[in-house]
Amino acid sequence: MRLEPPDSRRKYPRIMLPKGMWVAWQAGADRAVSRVKSLSLGGLFITSHNPPPVGTLVKLLFEVPGGEVRARGIVKRSVPGQGMGIQFSNMGHDDRARLHQLLSRLMKELEDYTSDSTPTQQNSA
């Protein structure tokens, strides 16, 4: 897990999830379960060999500690063989609160990991 470098196009920082988490999604009649590669309050990137085209509306469902998150989004980036970037367009208040809680916890874990792995200087007397 790591924080993706800042990007001026993004409103929220993204967290890269190398092990991923699973998300169920539906675009029209197509349904699938895929791994999440990155996640933020604004959206996510999920793996898919045959992602729908840019502009497609997508329904999303994924589990987080404390419950599930249901959202709707719009495909903003589609890369055949890799996946799709989805921007959240509609999410209930409770769902957003659960997502925010998860992201806050992950950010704290990253900060703790980074501070634990940063070498400290030894004073030599």
N, C-alpha and C. Protein backbone atom coordinates (compact mmCIF):
# COMPACT_ATOMS: atom_id res chain seq x y z
N MET A 1 0.86 -1.17 0.00
CA MET A 1 0.00 0.00 0.00
C MET A 1 0.90 1.23 0.00
N ARG A 2 0.55 2.21 -0.83
CA ARG A 2 1.32 3.44 -0.85
C ARG A 2 0.44 4.59 -1.31
N LEU A 3 0.89 5.79 -1.00
CA LEU A 3 0.20 6.99 -1.42
C LEU A 3 0.72 7.36 -2.80
N GLU A 4 -0.18 7.62 -3.72
CA GLU A 4 0.24 8.01 -5.06
C GLU A 4 0.69 9.47 -5.02
N PRO A 5 1.74 9.82 -5.79
CA PRO A 5 2.20 11.22 -5.80
C PRO A 5 1.07 12.16 -6.19
N PRO A 6 1.08 13.39 -5.66
CA PRO A 6 0.02 14.35 -5.97
C PRO A 6 -0.06 14.64 -7.47
N ASP A 7 -1.26 14.90 -7.93
CA ASP A 7 -1.52 15.20 -9.32
C ASP A 7 -2.46 16.40 -9.34
N SER A 8 -2.11 17.42 -10.08
CA SER A 8 -2.89 18.66 -10.07
C SER A 8 -4.32 18.47 -10.58
N ARG A 9 -4.57 17.36 -11.30
CA ARG A 9 -5.92 17.11 -11.81
C ARG A 9 -6.83 16.50 -10.76
N ARG A 10 -6.26 16.05 -9.65
CA ARG A 10 -7.03 15.30 -8.66
C ARG A 10 -7.40 16.17 -7.47
N LYS A 11 -8.63 16.01 -7.04
CA LYS A 11 -9.13 16.75 -5.88
C LYS A 11 -8.73 16.07 -4.58
N TYR A 12 -8.60 14.73 -4.60
CA TYR A 12 -8.31 13.94 -3.41
C TYR A 12 -7.08 13.06 -3.64
N PRO A 13 -6.29 12.84 -2.59
CA PRO A 13 -5.15 11.92 -2.74
C PRO A 13 -5.63 10.49 -2.94
N ARG A 14 -4.86 9.73 -3.75
CA ARG A 14 -5.20 8.33 -4.00
C ARG A 14 -4.25 7.42 -3.24
N ILE A 15 -4.80 6.32 -2.77
CA ILE A 15 -3.99 5.30 -2.12
C ILE A 15 -3.93 4.10 -3.04
N MET A 16 -2.71 3.67 -3.35
CA MET A 16 -2.50 2.49 -4.18
C MET A 16 -2.63 1.26 -3.30
N LEU A 17 -3.40 0.29 -3.74
CA LEU A 17 -3.64 -0.93 -2.97
C LEU A 17 -3.07 -2.12 -3.74
N PRO A 18 -1.78 -2.48 -3.49
CA PRO A 18 -1.17 -3.54 -4.29
C PRO A 18 -1.88 -4.88 -4.17
N LYS A 19 -2.39 -5.20 -2.99
CA LYS A 19 -3.14 -6.45 -2.83
C LYS A 19 -4.57 -6.25 -3.31
N GLY A 20 -4.97 -5.01 -3.39
CA GLY A 20 -6.31 -4.69 -3.86
C GLY A 20 -7.38 -5.09 -2.86
N MET A 21 -8.55 -4.63 -3.13
CA MET A 21 -9.74 -5.10 -2.46
C MET A 21 -10.72 -5.36 -3.58
N TRP A 22 -11.76 -6.05 -3.30
CA TRP A 22 -12.71 -6.43 -4.34
C TRP A 22 -13.86 -5.44 -4.42
N VAL A 23 -14.32 -5.21 -5.63
CA VAL A 23 -15.49 -4.37 -5.87
C VAL A 23 -16.39 -5.09 -6.88
N ALA A 24 -17.68 -5.13 -6.58
CA ALA A 24 -18.67 -5.63 -7.53
C ALA A 24 -19.16 -4.42 -8.32
N TRP A 25 -19.26 -4.56 -9.63
CA TRP A 25 -19.70 -3.43 -10.44
C TRP A 25 -20.62 -3.90 -11.56
N GLN A 26 -21.45 -2.96 -11.97
CA GLN A 26 -22.40 -3.22 -13.05
C GLN A 26 -22.42 -2.02 -13.98
N ALA A 27 -22.29 -2.30 -15.27
CA ALA A 27 -22.38 -1.28 -16.31
C ALA A 27 -23.37 -1.81 -17.34
N GLY A 28 -24.57 -1.27 -17.33
CA GLY A 28 -25.61 -1.80 -18.22
C GLY A 28 -25.94 -3.22 -17.82
N ALA A 29 -25.88 -4.16 -18.77
CA ALA A 29 -26.17 -5.56 -18.48
C ALA A 29 -24.94 -6.32 -18.00
N ASP A 30 -23.76 -5.70 -18.12
CA ASP A 30 -22.51 -6.36 -17.71
C ASP A 30 -22.32 -6.24 -16.20
N ARG A 31 -21.99 -7.38 -15.58
CA ARG A 31 -21.68 -7.42 -14.15
C ARG A 31 -20.37 -8.14 -13.96
N ALA A 32 -19.59 -7.67 -12.99
CA ALA A 32 -18.30 -8.31 -12.73
C ALA A 32 -17.85 -7.99 -11.31
N VAL A 33 -16.84 -8.72 -10.87
CA VAL A 33 -16.15 -8.45 -9.62
C VAL A 33 -14.68 -8.27 -9.98
N SER A 34 -14.09 -7.17 -9.53
CA SER A 34 -12.71 -6.84 -9.90
C SER A 34 -11.93 -6.34 -8.70
N ARG A 35 -10.63 -6.30 -8.86
CA ARG A 35 -9.76 -5.76 -7.82
C ARG A 35 -9.63 -4.25 -7.96
N VAL A 36 -9.58 -3.57 -6.81
CA VAL A 36 -9.35 -2.13 -6.78
C VAL A 36 -7.84 -1.91 -6.72
N LYS A 37 -7.30 -1.14 -7.65
CA LYS A 37 -5.86 -0.83 -7.65
C LYS A 37 -5.57 0.45 -6.88
N SER A 38 -6.46 1.44 -6.97
CA SER A 38 -6.27 2.68 -6.22
C SER A 38 -7.64 3.21 -5.81
N LEU A 39 -7.63 3.97 -4.71
CA LEU A 39 -8.88 4.43 -4.12
C LEU A 39 -8.71 5.83 -3.55
N SER A 40 -9.74 6.65 -3.70
CA SER A 40 -9.76 7.98 -3.08
C SER A 40 -11.22 8.33 -2.80
N LEU A 41 -11.42 9.48 -2.17
CA LEU A 41 -12.80 9.94 -1.94
C LEU A 41 -13.48 10.32 -3.25
N GLY A 42 -12.68 10.57 -4.29
CA GLY A 42 -13.25 10.98 -5.57
C GLY A 42 -13.51 9.86 -6.55
N GLY A 43 -12.88 8.69 -6.32
CA GLY A 43 -13.07 7.60 -7.26
C GLY A 43 -12.11 6.46 -7.03
N LEU A 44 -12.00 5.57 -8.03
CA LEU A 44 -11.14 4.41 -7.90
C LEU A 44 -10.73 3.93 -9.28
N PHE A 45 -9.66 3.13 -9.31
CA PHE A 45 -9.25 2.46 -10.54
C PHE A 45 -9.38 0.98 -10.27
N ILE A 46 -10.11 0.28 -11.14
CA ILE A 46 -10.30 -1.16 -10.95
C ILE A 46 -9.80 -1.92 -12.17
N THR A 47 -9.34 -3.14 -11.92
CA THR A 47 -8.83 -3.96 -13.01
C THR A 47 -9.99 -4.58 -13.79
N SER A 48 -9.81 -4.67 -15.10
CA SER A 48 -10.80 -5.31 -15.96
C SER A 48 -10.15 -5.53 -17.31
N HIS A 49 -10.27 -6.74 -17.85
CA HIS A 49 -9.69 -7.02 -19.15
C HIS A 49 -10.43 -6.31 -20.27
N ASN A 50 -11.74 -6.11 -20.07
CA ASN A 50 -12.54 -5.48 -21.11
C ASN A 50 -13.43 -4.41 -20.47
N PRO A 51 -12.84 -3.28 -20.06
CA PRO A 51 -13.63 -2.25 -19.38
C PRO A 51 -14.59 -1.54 -20.33
N PRO A 52 -15.69 -1.03 -19.80
CA PRO A 52 -16.61 -0.27 -20.64
C PRO A 52 -15.97 1.05 -21.09
N PRO A 53 -16.52 1.67 -22.12
CA PRO A 53 -15.93 2.91 -22.64
C PRO A 53 -16.13 4.10 -21.71
N VAL A 54 -15.31 5.12 -21.93
CA VAL A 54 -15.41 6.37 -21.20
C VAL A 54 -16.83 6.91 -21.32
N GLY A 55 -17.35 7.42 -20.21
CA GLY A 55 -18.70 7.97 -20.18
C GLY A 55 -19.77 7.01 -19.69
N THR A 56 -19.41 5.73 -19.56
CA THR A 56 -20.37 4.72 -19.11
C THR A 56 -20.69 4.91 -17.63
N LEU A 57 -21.98 4.81 -17.28
CA LEU A 57 -22.40 4.86 -15.88
C LEU A 57 -22.20 3.49 -15.25
N VAL A 58 -21.66 3.46 -14.03
CA VAL A 58 -21.33 2.21 -13.35
C VAL A 58 -21.90 2.24 -11.94
N LYS A 59 -22.50 1.12 -11.53
CA LYS A 59 -22.93 0.93 -10.13
C LYS A 59 -21.83 0.14 -9.44
N LEU A 60 -21.50 0.54 -8.21
CA LEU A 60 -20.40 -0.08 -7.47
C LEU A 60 -20.86 -0.54 -6.09
N LEU A 61 -20.27 -1.63 -5.62
CA LEU A 61 -20.54 -2.13 -4.27
C LEU A 61 -19.26 -2.76 -3.76
N PHE A 62 -18.78 -2.29 -2.60
CA PHE A 62 -17.61 -2.91 -1.99
C PHE A 62 -17.71 -2.86 -0.48
N GLU A 63 -17.06 -3.84 0.15
CA GLU A 63 -17.07 -3.97 1.61
C GLU A 63 -15.93 -3.18 2.21
N VAL A 64 -16.22 -2.50 3.30
CA VAL A 64 -15.21 -1.81 4.10
C VAL A 64 -15.49 -2.15 5.56
N PRO A 65 -14.51 -1.96 6.43
CA PRO A 65 -14.80 -2.18 7.85
C PRO A 65 -15.99 -1.30 8.26
N GLY A 66 -16.95 -1.88 8.89
CA GLY A 66 -18.12 -1.13 9.31
C GLY A 66 -19.30 -1.24 8.36
N GLY A 67 -19.15 -1.99 7.27
CA GLY A 67 -20.28 -2.15 6.36
C GLY A 67 -19.87 -2.16 4.91
N GLU A 68 -20.82 -1.78 4.07
CA GLU A 68 -20.57 -1.76 2.64
C GLU A 68 -20.73 -0.34 2.12
N VAL A 69 -20.15 -0.10 0.97
CA VAL A 69 -20.28 1.19 0.29
C VAL A 69 -20.93 0.93 -1.06
N ARG A 70 -22.02 1.62 -1.28
CA ARG A 70 -22.70 1.59 -2.58
C ARG A 70 -22.53 2.97 -3.20
N ALA A 71 -22.20 2.97 -4.49
CA ALA A 71 -21.99 4.25 -5.17
C ALA A 71 -22.30 4.08 -6.65
N ARG A 72 -22.43 5.20 -7.29
CA ARG A 72 -22.53 5.25 -8.75
C ARG A 72 -21.37 6.10 -9.23
N GLY A 73 -20.90 5.77 -10.41
CA GLY A 73 -19.78 6.51 -10.95
C GLY A 73 -19.82 6.56 -12.46
N ILE A 74 -18.89 7.31 -13.01
CA ILE A 74 -18.76 7.47 -14.45
C ILE A 74 -17.35 7.06 -14.84
N VAL A 75 -17.23 6.22 -15.86
CA VAL A 75 -15.93 5.82 -16.36
C VAL A 75 -15.26 7.04 -16.98
N LYS A 76 -14.10 7.42 -16.43
CA LYS A 76 -13.35 8.57 -16.92
C LYS A 76 -12.13 8.15 -17.73
N ARG A 77 -11.68 6.91 -17.50
CA ARG A 77 -10.52 6.37 -18.22
C ARG A 77 -10.76 4.89 -18.43
N SER A 78 -10.56 4.43 -19.65
CA SER A 78 -10.76 3.03 -19.98
C SER A 78 -9.53 2.53 -20.74
N VAL A 79 -8.87 1.51 -20.16
CA VAL A 79 -7.65 0.97 -20.75
C VAL A 79 -7.85 -0.53 -20.97
N PRO A 80 -8.19 -0.95 -22.20
CA PRO A 80 -8.40 -2.37 -22.46
C PRO A 80 -7.19 -3.20 -22.01
N GLY A 81 -7.49 -4.31 -21.34
CA GLY A 81 -6.44 -5.18 -20.82
C GLY A 81 -5.93 -4.78 -19.45
N GLN A 82 -6.29 -3.57 -18.99
CA GLN A 82 -5.81 -3.10 -17.68
C GLN A 82 -6.95 -2.77 -16.72
N GLY A 83 -7.85 -1.89 -17.14
CA GLY A 83 -8.94 -1.53 -16.24
C GLY A 83 -9.55 -0.19 -16.56
N MET A 84 -10.18 0.40 -15.54
CA MET A 84 -10.88 1.66 -15.75
C MET A 84 -10.81 2.53 -14.51
N GLY A 85 -10.72 3.83 -14.76
CA GLY A 85 -10.79 4.84 -13.71
C GLY A 85 -12.22 5.33 -13.64
N ILE A 86 -12.78 5.30 -12.43
CA ILE A 86 -14.18 5.69 -12.24
C ILE A 86 -14.23 6.84 -11.25
N GLN A 87 -14.96 7.88 -11.62
CA GLN A 87 -15.18 9.00 -10.73
C GLN A 87 -16.54 8.82 -10.07
N PHE A 88 -16.57 8.88 -8.72
CA PHE A 88 -17.85 8.76 -8.03
C PHE A 88 -18.75 9.92 -8.41
N SER A 89 -20.00 9.61 -8.73
CA SER A 89 -20.96 10.66 -9.08
C SER A 89 -22.11 10.74 -8.10
N ASN A 90 -22.36 9.65 -7.36
CA ASN A 90 -23.47 9.63 -6.41
C ASN A 90 -23.15 8.60 -5.34
N MET A 91 -23.23 9.06 -4.07
CA MET A 91 -22.96 8.17 -2.94
C MET A 91 -23.73 8.71 -1.75
N GLY A 92 -24.39 7.83 -1.03
CA GLY A 92 -25.13 8.25 0.15
C GLY A 92 -24.21 8.76 1.24
N HIS A 93 -24.77 9.54 2.14
CA HIS A 93 -24.00 10.13 3.24
C HIS A 93 -23.31 9.06 4.08
N ASP A 94 -24.04 8.01 4.46
CA ASP A 94 -23.46 6.95 5.29
C ASP A 94 -22.37 6.19 4.54
N ASP A 95 -22.56 5.98 3.23
CA ASP A 95 -21.55 5.30 2.43
C ASP A 95 -20.28 6.14 2.36
N ARG A 96 -20.43 7.44 2.13
CA ARG A 96 -19.27 8.34 2.07
C ARG A 96 -18.56 8.37 3.42
N ALA A 97 -19.31 8.34 4.51
CA ALA A 97 -18.69 8.34 5.84
C ALA A 97 -17.86 7.07 6.05
N ARG A 98 -18.38 5.92 5.62
CA ARG A 98 -17.62 4.67 5.75
C ARG A 98 -16.36 4.69 4.88
N LEU A 99 -16.48 5.22 3.66
CA LEU A 99 -15.32 5.32 2.79
C LEU A 99 -14.28 6.27 3.39
N HIS A 100 -14.73 7.39 3.90
CA HIS A 100 -13.82 8.36 4.51
C HIS A 100 -13.10 7.74 5.71
N GLN A 101 -13.83 6.99 6.51
CA GLN A 101 -13.23 6.32 7.67
C GLN A 101 -12.15 5.33 7.23
N LEU A 102 -12.43 4.55 6.19
CA LEU A 102 -11.44 3.60 5.67
C LEU A 102 -10.20 4.34 5.17
N LEU A 103 -10.39 5.37 4.36
CA LEU A 103 -9.25 6.10 3.81
C LEU A 103 -8.43 6.78 4.91
N SER A 104 -9.09 7.30 5.91
CA SER A 104 -8.38 7.91 7.05
C SER A 104 -7.52 6.87 7.75
N ARG A 105 -8.08 5.68 7.96
CA ARG A 105 -7.32 4.61 8.62
C ARG A 105 -6.12 4.19 7.77
N LEU A 106 -6.32 4.04 6.46
CA LEU A 106 -5.23 3.66 5.58
C LEU A 106 -4.13 4.72 5.53
N MET A 107 -4.53 5.99 5.51
CA MET A 107 -3.55 7.09 5.51
C MET A 107 -2.73 7.05 6.80
N LYS A 108 -3.39 6.80 7.93
CA LYS A 108 -2.68 6.72 9.21
C LYS A 108 -1.70 5.56 9.20
N GLU A 109 -2.13 4.40 8.67
CA GLU A 109 -1.23 3.25 8.58
C GLU A 109 -0.02 3.57 7.72
N LEU A 110 -0.24 4.29 6.62
CA LEU A 110 0.88 4.68 5.75
C LEU A 110 1.84 5.61 6.48
N GLU A 111 1.28 6.58 7.20
CA GLU A 111 2.11 7.51 7.96
C GLU A 111 2.91 6.77 9.02
N ASP A 112 2.26 5.86 9.74
CA ASP A 112 2.96 5.09 10.77
C ASP A 112 4.06 4.24 10.16
N TYR A 113 3.77 3.59 9.04
CA TYR A 113 4.75 2.73 8.37
C TYR A 113 5.94 3.57 7.90
N THR A 114 5.63 4.72 7.29
CA THR A 114 6.69 5.59 6.77
C THR A 114 7.56 6.11 7.90
N SER A 115 6.95 6.53 9.00
CA SER A 115 7.75 7.05 10.11
C SER A 115 8.56 5.95 10.79
N ASP A 116 8.04 4.71 10.82
CA ASP A 116 8.77 3.59 11.40
C ASP A 116 9.94 3.17 10.54
N SER A 117 9.85 3.34 9.22
CA SER A 117 10.90 2.87 8.33
C SER A 117 11.91 3.96 7.99
N THR A 118 11.68 5.20 8.49
CA THR A 118 12.62 6.28 8.24
C THR A 118 13.80 6.14 9.18
N PRO A 119 15.03 6.07 8.63
CA PRO A 119 16.20 5.93 9.50
C PRO A 119 16.35 7.13 10.41
N THR A 120 16.76 6.88 11.61
CA THR A 120 17.00 7.96 12.57
C THR A 120 18.50 8.17 12.68
N GLN A 121 18.87 9.41 12.92
CA GLN A 121 20.29 9.73 13.06
C GLN A 121 20.74 9.40 14.48
N GLN A 122 21.89 8.82 14.56
CA GLN A 122 22.47 8.48 15.86
C GLN A 122 23.42 9.62 16.25
N ASN A 123 23.32 10.05 17.49
CA ASN A 123 24.27 11.04 17.99
C ASN A 123 25.52 10.30 18.41
N SER A 124 26.66 10.75 17.91
CA SER A 124 27.90 10.13 18.35
C SER A 124 28.63 11.08 19.27
N ALA A 125 28.97 10.61 20.43
CA ALA A 125 29.61 11.48 21.41
C ALA A 125 31.05 11.12 21.59
